[in-house]
All heavy atoms as atom14 arrays in JSON, in Angstrom:
{
  "sequence": "SNKAAQKLLGFKRDFVSGLEIRVDDVYAVEEIGKLM",
  "atom14_mask": [
    [1, 1, 1, 1, 1, 1, 0, 0, 0, 0, 0, 0, 0, 0],
    [1, 1, 1, 1, 1, 1, 1, 1, 0, 0, 0, 0, 0, 0],
    [1, 1, 1, 1, 1, 1, 1, 1, 1, 0, 0, 0, 0, 0],
    [1, 1, 1, 1, 1, 0, 0, 0, 0, 0, 0, 0, 0, 0],
    [1, 1, 1, 1, 1, 0, 0, 0, 0, 0, 0, 0, 0, 0],
    [1, 1, 1, 1, 1, 1, 1, 1, 1, 0, 0, 0, 0, 0],
    [1, 1, 1, 1, 1, 1, 1, 1, 1, 0, 0, 0, 0, 0],
    [1, 1, 1, 1, 1, 1, 1, 1, 0, 0, 0, 0, 0, 0],
    [1, 1, 1, 1, 1, 1, 1, 1, 0, 0, 0, 0, 0, 0],
    [1, 1, 1, 1, 0, 0, 0, 0, 0, 0, 0, 0, 0, 0],
    [1, 1, 1, 1, 1, 1, 1, 1, 1, 1, 1, 0, 0, 0],
    [1, 1, 1, 1, 1, 1, 1, 1, 1, 0, 0, 0, 0, 0],
    [1, 1, 1, 1, 1, 1, 1, 1, 1, 1, 1, 0, 0, 0],
    [1, 1, 1, 1, 1, 1, 1, 1, 0, 0, 0, 0, 0, 0],
    [1, 1, 1, 1, 1, 1, 1, 1, 1, 1, 1, 0, 0, 0],
    [1, 1, 1, 1, 1, 1, 1, 0, 0, 0, 0, 0, 0, 0],
    [1, 1, 1, 1, 1, 1, 0, 0, 0, 0, 0, 0, 0, 0],
    [1, 1, 1, 1, 0, 0, 0, 0, 0, 0, 0, 0, 0, 0],
    [1, 1, 1, 1, 1, 1, 1, 1, 0, 0, 0, 0, 0, 0],
    [1, 1, 1, 1, 1, 1, 1, 1, 1, 0, 0, 0, 0, 0],
    [1, 1, 1, 1, 1, 1, 1, 1, 0, 0, 0, 0, 0, 0],
    [1, 1, 1, 1, 1, 1, 1, 1, 1, 1, 1, 0, 0, 0],
    [1, 1, 1, 1, 1, 1, 1, 0, 0, 0, 0, 0, 0, 0],
    [1, 1, 1, 1, 1, 1, 1, 1, 0, 0, 0, 0, 0, 0],
    [1, 1, 1, 1, 1, 1, 1, 1, 0, 0, 0, 0, 0, 0],
    [1, 1, 1, 1, 1, 1, 1, 0, 0, 0, 0, 0, 0, 0],
    [1, 1, 1, 1, 1, 1, 1, 1, 1, 1, 1, 1, 0, 0],
    [1, 1, 1, 1, 1, 0, 0, 0, 0, 0, 0, 0, 0, 0],
    [1, 1, 1, 1, 1, 1, 1, 0, 0, 0, 0, 0, 0, 0],
    [1, 1, 1, 1, 1, 1, 1, 1, 1, 0, 0, 0, 0, 0],
    [1, 1, 1, 1, 1, 1, 1, 1, 1, 0, 0, 0, 0, 0],
    [1, 1, 1, 1, 1, 1, 1, 1, 0, 0, 0, 0, 0, 0],
    [1, 1, 1, 1, 0, 0, 0, 0, 0, 0, 0, 0, 0, 0],
    [1, 1, 1, 1, 1, 1, 1, 1, 1, 0, 0, 0, 0, 0],
    [1, 1, 1, 1, 1, 1, 1, 1, 0, 0, 0, 0, 0, 0],
    [1, 1, 1, 1, 1, 1, 1, 1, 0, 0, 0, 0, 0, 0]
  ],
  "atom14_positions": [
    [[40.64, 6.82, -140.01], [41.03, 6.04, -141.13], [40.74, 6.81, -142.45], [39.85, 7.68, -142.47], [40.38, 4.68, -141.13], [38.99, 4.84, -141.39], [0.0, 0.0, 0.0], [0.0, 0.0, 0.0], [0.0, 0.0, 0.0], [0.0, 0.0, 0.0], [0.0, 0.0, 0.0], [0.0, 0.0, 0.0], [0.0, 0.0, 0.0], [0.0, 0.0, 0.0]],
    [[41.44, 6.44, -143.51], [41.18, 7.06, -144.83], [39.74, 6.82, -145.29], [39.1, 7.72, -145.86], [42.15, 6.54, -145.85], [43.48, 7.33, -145.82], [43.56, 8.45, -145.36], [44.56, 6.7, -146.32], [0.0, 0.0, 0.0], [0.0, 0.0, 0.0], [0.0, 0.0, 0.0], [0.0, 0.0, 0.0], [0.0, 0.0, 0.0], [0.0, 0.0, 0.0]],
    [[39.25, 5.6, -145.06], [37.85, 5.29, -145.5], [36.85, 6.16, -144.77], [35.94, 6.72, -145.39], [37.55, 3.83, -145.29], [38.33, 2.9, -146.21], [37.91, 1.4, -145.97], [38.65, 0.51, -146.96], [38.24, -0.95, -146.67], [0.0, 0.0, 0.0], [0.0, 0.0, 0.0], [0.0, 0.0, 0.0], [0.0, 0.0, 0.0], [0.0, 0.0, 0.0]],
    [[37.05, 6.3, -143.43], [36.14, 7.17, -142.68], [36.23, 8.64, -143.1], [35.21, 9.36, -143.2], [36.38, 7.01, -141.23], [0.0, 0.0, 0.0], [0.0, 0.0, 0.0], [0.0, 0.0, 0.0], [0.0, 0.0, 0.0], [0.0, 0.0, 0.0], [0.0, 0.0, 0.0], [0.0, 0.0, 0.0], [0.0, 0.0, 0.0], [0.0, 0.0, 0.0]],
    [[37.44, 9.08, -143.42], [37.61, 10.47, -143.89], [36.96, 10.68, -145.21], [36.4, 11.75, -145.49], [39.13, 10.8, -143.92], [0.0, 0.0, 0.0], [0.0, 0.0, 0.0], [0.0, 0.0, 0.0], [0.0, 0.0, 0.0], [0.0, 0.0, 0.0], [0.0, 0.0, 0.0], [0.0, 0.0, 0.0], [0.0, 0.0, 0.0], [0.0, 0.0, 0.0]],
    [[37.05, 9.77, -146.09], [36.46, 9.89, -147.44], [34.91, 10.0, -147.32], [34.28, 10.83, -147.99], [36.78, 8.66, -148.28], [38.22, 8.68, -148.76], [38.71, 7.4, -149.41], [38.04, 6.35, -149.31], [39.88, 7.42, -150.07], [0.0, 0.0, 0.0], [0.0, 0.0, 0.0], [0.0, 0.0, 0.0], [0.0, 0.0, 0.0], [0.0, 0.0, 0.0]],
    [[34.35, 9.18, -146.41], [32.87, 9.23, -146.23], [32.48, 10.59, -145.58], [31.52, 11.2, -145.96], [32.41, 8.12, -145.37], [32.51, 6.75, -146.01], [32.03, 5.62, -145.08], [32.08, 4.3, -145.79], [31.61, 3.2, -144.84], [0.0, 0.0, 0.0], [0.0, 0.0, 0.0], [0.0, 0.0, 0.0], [0.0, 0.0, 0.0], [0.0, 0.0, 0.0]],
    [[33.28, 10.99, -144.59], [32.95, 12.21, -143.87], [33.08, 13.48, -144.79], [32.22, 14.38, -144.74], [33.9, 12.44, -142.71], [33.75, 13.78, -141.88], [32.43, 13.74, -141.14], [34.91, 13.89, -140.87], [0.0, 0.0, 0.0], [0.0, 0.0, 0.0], [0.0, 0.0, 0.0], [0.0, 0.0, 0.0], [0.0, 0.0, 0.0], [0.0, 0.0, 0.0]],
    [[34.07, 13.47, -145.68], [34.27, 14.61, -146.56], [33.52, 14.56, -147.88], [33.61, 15.39, -148.72], [35.79, 14.75, -146.86], [36.69, 15.01, -145.61], [38.14, 15.0, -146.0], [36.31, 16.33, -144.93], [0.0, 0.0, 0.0], [0.0, 0.0, 0.0], [0.0, 0.0, 0.0], [0.0, 0.0, 0.0], [0.0, 0.0, 0.0], [0.0, 0.0, 0.0]],
    [[32.79, 13.43, -148.09], [31.95, 13.26, -149.21], [32.7, 12.96, -150.51], [32.21, 13.33, -151.59], [0.0, 0.0, 0.0], [0.0, 0.0, 0.0], [0.0, 0.0, 0.0], [0.0, 0.0, 0.0], [0.0, 0.0, 0.0], [0.0, 0.0, 0.0], [0.0, 0.0, 0.0], [0.0, 0.0, 0.0], [0.0, 0.0, 0.0], [0.0, 0.0, 0.0]],
    [[33.81, 12.25, -150.45], [34.57, 11.84, -151.63], [33.74, 10.8, -152.34], [33.4, 9.76, -151.75], [35.96, 11.36, -151.28], [36.94, 12.39, -150.87], [38.22, 12.03, -150.47], [36.51, 13.73, -150.82], [39.1, 13.03, -150.05], [37.43, 14.72, -150.38], [38.74, 14.38, -150.05], [0.0, 0.0, 0.0], [0.0, 0.0, 0.0], [0.0, 0.0, 0.0]],
    [[33.52, 10.98, -153.62], [32.76, 10.06, -154.45], [33.6, 8.84, -154.85], [33.0, 7.78, -155.08], [32.15, 10.71, -155.65], [31.25, 11.9, -155.39], [30.06, 11.48, -154.56], [29.15, 12.65, -154.29], [27.99, 12.31, -153.43], [0.0, 0.0, 0.0], [0.0, 0.0, 0.0], [0.0, 0.0, 0.0], [0.0, 0.0, 0.0], [0.0, 0.0, 0.0]],
    [[34.91, 9.03, -154.94], [35.8, 7.96, -155.38], [36.92, 7.8, -154.38], [36.97, 8.5, -153.32], [36.36, 8.22, -156.77], [35.27, 8.24, -157.83], [35.81, 8.84, -159.1], [37.01, 8.21, -159.61], [37.79, 8.63, -160.55], [37.47, 9.75, -161.2], [38.86, 7.96, -160.94], [0.0, 0.0, 0.0], [0.0, 0.0, 0.0], [0.0, 0.0, 0.0]],
    [[37.85, 6.89, -154.68], [38.95, 6.58, -153.74], [40.04, 7.67, -153.94], [41.11, 7.41, -154.48], [39.5, 5.19, -154.04], [40.58, 4.78, -153.03], [40.66, 5.44, -152.0], [41.35, 3.8, -153.3], [0.0, 0.0, 0.0], [0.0, 0.0, 0.0], [0.0, 0.0, 0.0], [0.0, 0.0, 0.0], [0.0, 0.0, 0.0], [0.0, 0.0, 0.0]],
    [[39.72, 8.83, -153.44], [40.66, 9.99, -153.49], [41.39, 10.14, -152.17], [40.86, 9.84, -151.06], [39.88, 11.32, -153.81], [39.38, 11.38, -155.25], [38.22, 12.11, -155.46], [40.12, 10.87, -156.27], [37.76, 12.18, -156.78], [39.61, 10.99, -157.6], [38.47, 11.66, -157.81], [0.0, 0.0, 0.0], [0.0, 0.0, 0.0], [0.0, 0.0, 0.0]],
    [[42.57, 10.68, -152.21], [43.28, 11.04, -151.05], [43.9, 12.45, -151.26], [43.92, 12.97, -152.41], [44.43, 10.11, -150.71], [43.9, 8.71, -150.34], [45.45, 9.94, -151.86], [0.0, 0.0, 0.0], [0.0, 0.0, 0.0], [0.0, 0.0, 0.0], [0.0, 0.0, 0.0], [0.0, 0.0, 0.0], [0.0, 0.0, 0.0], [0.0, 0.0, 0.0]],
    [[44.32, 13.07, -150.17], [44.89, 14.42, -150.34], [46.34, 14.35, -150.83], [46.82, 15.32, -151.52], [44.92, 15.15, -148.97], [43.62, 15.32, -148.49], [0.0, 0.0, 0.0], [0.0, 0.0, 0.0], [0.0, 0.0, 0.0], [0.0, 0.0, 0.0], [0.0, 0.0, 0.0], [0.0, 0.0, 0.0], [0.0, 0.0, 0.0], [0.0, 0.0, 0.0]],
    [[47.06, 13.25, -150.61], [48.42, 13.16, -151.06], [49.13, 11.9, -150.51], [48.42, 11.07, -149.94], [0.0, 0.0, 0.0], [0.0, 0.0, 0.0], [0.0, 0.0, 0.0], [0.0, 0.0, 0.0], [0.0, 0.0, 0.0], [0.0, 0.0, 0.0], [0.0, 0.0, 0.0], [0.0, 0.0, 0.0], [0.0, 0.0, 0.0], [0.0, 0.0, 0.0]],
    [[50.39, 11.84, -150.81], [51.26, 10.71, -150.24], [52.31, 11.25, -149.39], [52.93, 12.29, -149.71], [51.87, 9.95, -151.49], [50.92, 9.28, -152.5], [51.7, 8.77, -153.72], [50.16, 8.18, -151.83], [0.0, 0.0, 0.0], [0.0, 0.0, 0.0], [0.0, 0.0, 0.0], [0.0, 0.0, 0.0], [0.0, 0.0, 0.0], [0.0, 0.0, 0.0]],
    [[52.56, 10.55, -148.32], [53.62, 10.9, -147.44], [54.76, 9.84, -147.61], [54.53, 8.63, -147.62], [53.21, 10.91, -145.98], [52.22, 12.02, -145.7], [51.84, 12.07, -144.24], [51.29, 11.07, -143.75], [52.06, 13.13, -143.59], [0.0, 0.0, 0.0], [0.0, 0.0, 0.0], [0.0, 0.0, 0.0], [0.0, 0.0, 0.0], [0.0, 0.0, 0.0]],
    [[56.02, 10.31, -147.78], [57.15, 9.5, -148.07], [58.18, 9.64, -147.01], [58.51, 10.79, -146.61], [57.75, 9.84, -149.46], [56.65, 9.58, -150.58], [58.97, 9.01, -149.74], [55.92, 10.83, -151.0], [0.0, 0.0, 0.0], [0.0, 0.0, 0.0], [0.0, 0.0, 0.0], [0.0, 0.0, 0.0], [0.0, 0.0, 0.0], [0.0, 0.0, 0.0]],
    [[58.74, 8.54, -146.6], [59.85, 8.59, -145.6], [61.11, 8.09, -146.34], [61.11, 7.13, -147.13], [59.54, 7.66, -144.39], [60.56, 7.86, -143.27], [60.06, 7.08, -142.08], [60.88, 7.37, -140.9], [60.72, 8.37, -140.04], [59.72, 9.25, -140.34], [61.51, 8.58, -139.03], [0.0, 0.0, 0.0], [0.0, 0.0, 0.0], [0.0, 0.0, 0.0]],
    [[62.24, 8.74, -146.04], [63.49, 8.4, -146.68], [64.5, 8.03, -145.59], [64.35, 8.23, -144.38], [64.05, 9.56, -147.5], [63.06, 9.93, -148.64], [64.31, 10.78, -146.65], [0.0, 0.0, 0.0], [0.0, 0.0, 0.0], [0.0, 0.0, 0.0], [0.0, 0.0, 0.0], [0.0, 0.0, 0.0], [0.0, 0.0, 0.0], [0.0, 0.0, 0.0]],
    [[65.6, 7.38, -145.98], [66.61, 6.87, -145.05], [67.52, 7.98, -144.52], [68.12, 7.85, -143.5], [67.38, 5.72, -145.63], [68.0, 6.05, -146.96], [67.94, 7.22, -147.39], [68.61, 5.13, -147.53], [0.0, 0.0, 0.0], [0.0, 0.0, 0.0], [0.0, 0.0, 0.0], [0.0, 0.0, 0.0], [0.0, 0.0, 0.0], [0.0, 0.0, 0.0]],
    [[67.68, 9.08, -145.35], [68.53, 10.17, -145.01], [67.71, 11.48, -145.07], [67.34, 11.89, -146.18], [69.72, 10.24, -145.9], [70.7, 11.37, -145.47], [70.47, 12.04, -144.52], [71.74, 11.53, -146.22], [0.0, 0.0, 0.0], [0.0, 0.0, 0.0], [0.0, 0.0, 0.0], [0.0, 0.0, 0.0], [0.0, 0.0, 0.0], [0.0, 0.0, 0.0]],
    [[67.41, 12.08, -143.92], [66.56, 13.24, -143.93], [67.18, 14.48, -144.66], [66.47, 15.4, -145.07], [66.17, 13.67, -142.51], [65.25, 12.61, -141.89], [67.33, 13.94, -141.65], [0.0, 0.0, 0.0], [0.0, 0.0, 0.0], [0.0, 0.0, 0.0], [0.0, 0.0, 0.0], [0.0, 0.0, 0.0], [0.0, 0.0, 0.0], [0.0, 0.0, 0.0]],
    [[68.5, 14.45, -144.81], [69.18, 15.55, -145.47], [69.4, 15.32, -146.91], [69.98, 16.1, -147.63], [70.53, 15.84, -144.78], [70.36, 16.24, -143.34], [70.7, 15.39, -142.29], [69.88, 17.54, -143.05], [70.46, 15.85, -140.95], [69.68, 17.96, -141.72], [70.01, 17.13, -140.71], [69.83, 17.51, -139.37], [0.0, 0.0, 0.0], [0.0, 0.0, 0.0]],
    [[68.82, 14.19, -147.48], [68.98, 13.89, -148.85], [67.64, 14.05, -149.59], [67.44, 13.53, -150.67], [69.52, 12.47, -149.07], [0.0, 0.0, 0.0], [0.0, 0.0, 0.0], [0.0, 0.0, 0.0], [0.0, 0.0, 0.0], [0.0, 0.0, 0.0], [0.0, 0.0, 0.0], [0.0, 0.0, 0.0], [0.0, 0.0, 0.0], [0.0, 0.0, 0.0]],
    [[66.74, 14.82, -149.0], [65.36, 14.98, -149.58], [65.41, 15.73, -150.89], [64.52, 15.44, -151.71], [64.41, 15.67, -148.57], [64.07, 14.73, -147.42], [65.0, 16.92, -148.03], [0.0, 0.0, 0.0], [0.0, 0.0, 0.0], [0.0, 0.0, 0.0], [0.0, 0.0, 0.0], [0.0, 0.0, 0.0], [0.0, 0.0, 0.0], [0.0, 0.0, 0.0]],
    [[66.35, 16.6, -151.06], [66.41, 17.34, -152.32], [66.69, 16.43, -153.5], [66.1, 16.46, -154.55], [67.46, 18.44, -152.26], [67.07, 19.65, -151.34], [66.06, 20.51, -152.05], [65.79, 20.36, -153.27], [65.43, 21.31, -151.33], [0.0, 0.0, 0.0], [0.0, 0.0, 0.0], [0.0, 0.0, 0.0], [0.0, 0.0, 0.0], [0.0, 0.0, 0.0]],
    [[67.68, 15.59, -153.33], [68.11, 14.66, -154.36], [66.99, 13.62, -154.66], [66.67, 13.31, -155.83], [69.44, 13.91, -154.03], [70.65, 14.78, -153.96], [70.69, 15.68, -152.7], [69.91, 15.4, -151.75], [71.49, 16.59, -152.68], [0.0, 0.0, 0.0], [0.0, 0.0, 0.0], [0.0, 0.0, 0.0], [0.0, 0.0, 0.0], [0.0, 0.0, 0.0]],
    [[66.41, 13.07, -153.57], [65.33, 12.11, -153.77], [64.07, 12.77, -154.37], [63.38, 12.16, -155.21], [64.98, 11.43, -152.4], [66.15, 10.67, -151.9], [63.76, 10.51, -152.57], [65.97, 10.11, -150.53], [0.0, 0.0, 0.0], [0.0, 0.0, 0.0], [0.0, 0.0, 0.0], [0.0, 0.0, 0.0], [0.0, 0.0, 0.0], [0.0, 0.0, 0.0]],
    [[63.89, 14.05, -154.07], [62.73, 14.79, -154.67], [62.88, 14.94, -156.17], [61.92, 14.87, -156.93], [0.0, 0.0, 0.0], [0.0, 0.0, 0.0], [0.0, 0.0, 0.0], [0.0, 0.0, 0.0], [0.0, 0.0, 0.0], [0.0, 0.0, 0.0], [0.0, 0.0, 0.0], [0.0, 0.0, 0.0], [0.0, 0.0, 0.0], [0.0, 0.0, 0.0]],
    [[64.12, 15.12, -156.62], [64.38, 15.18, -158.07], [64.08, 13.86, -158.79], [63.56, 13.87, -159.85], [65.86, 15.65, -158.32], [66.19, 17.06, -157.89], [67.61, 17.39, -158.09], [67.93, 18.81, -157.56], [69.4, 19.08, -157.73], [0.0, 0.0, 0.0], [0.0, 0.0, 0.0], [0.0, 0.0, 0.0], [0.0, 0.0, 0.0], [0.0, 0.0, 0.0]],
    [[64.46, 12.79, -158.11], [64.08, 11.47, -158.69], [62.6, 11.27, -158.79], [62.07, 10.7, -159.76], [64.75, 10.36, -157.81], [66.27, 10.3, -157.75], [66.72, 9.25, -156.8], [66.88, 10.08, -159.13], [0.0, 0.0, 0.0], [0.0, 0.0, 0.0], [0.0, 0.0, 0.0], [0.0, 0.0, 0.0], [0.0, 0.0, 0.0], [0.0, 0.0, 0.0]],
    [[61.85, 11.78, -157.76], [60.44, 11.66, -157.76], [59.78, 12.42, -158.83], [58.79, 12.03, -159.51], [59.87, 12.05, -156.36], [60.12, 11.09, -155.24], [59.27, 11.65, -153.73], [60.0, 10.45, -152.6], [0.0, 0.0, 0.0], [0.0, 0.0, 0.0], [0.0, 0.0, 0.0], [0.0, 0.0, 0.0], [0.0, 0.0, 0.0], [0.0, 0.0, 0.0]]
  ]
}
């Protein structure tokens, strides 16, 4: 879990490495990436 990982890695605050995003069309990631 994220909480267990934060404790194991010594994160002092509610940090994460990043966000994972799923889209409805895997071949439209370029266009959606521009919106992001």
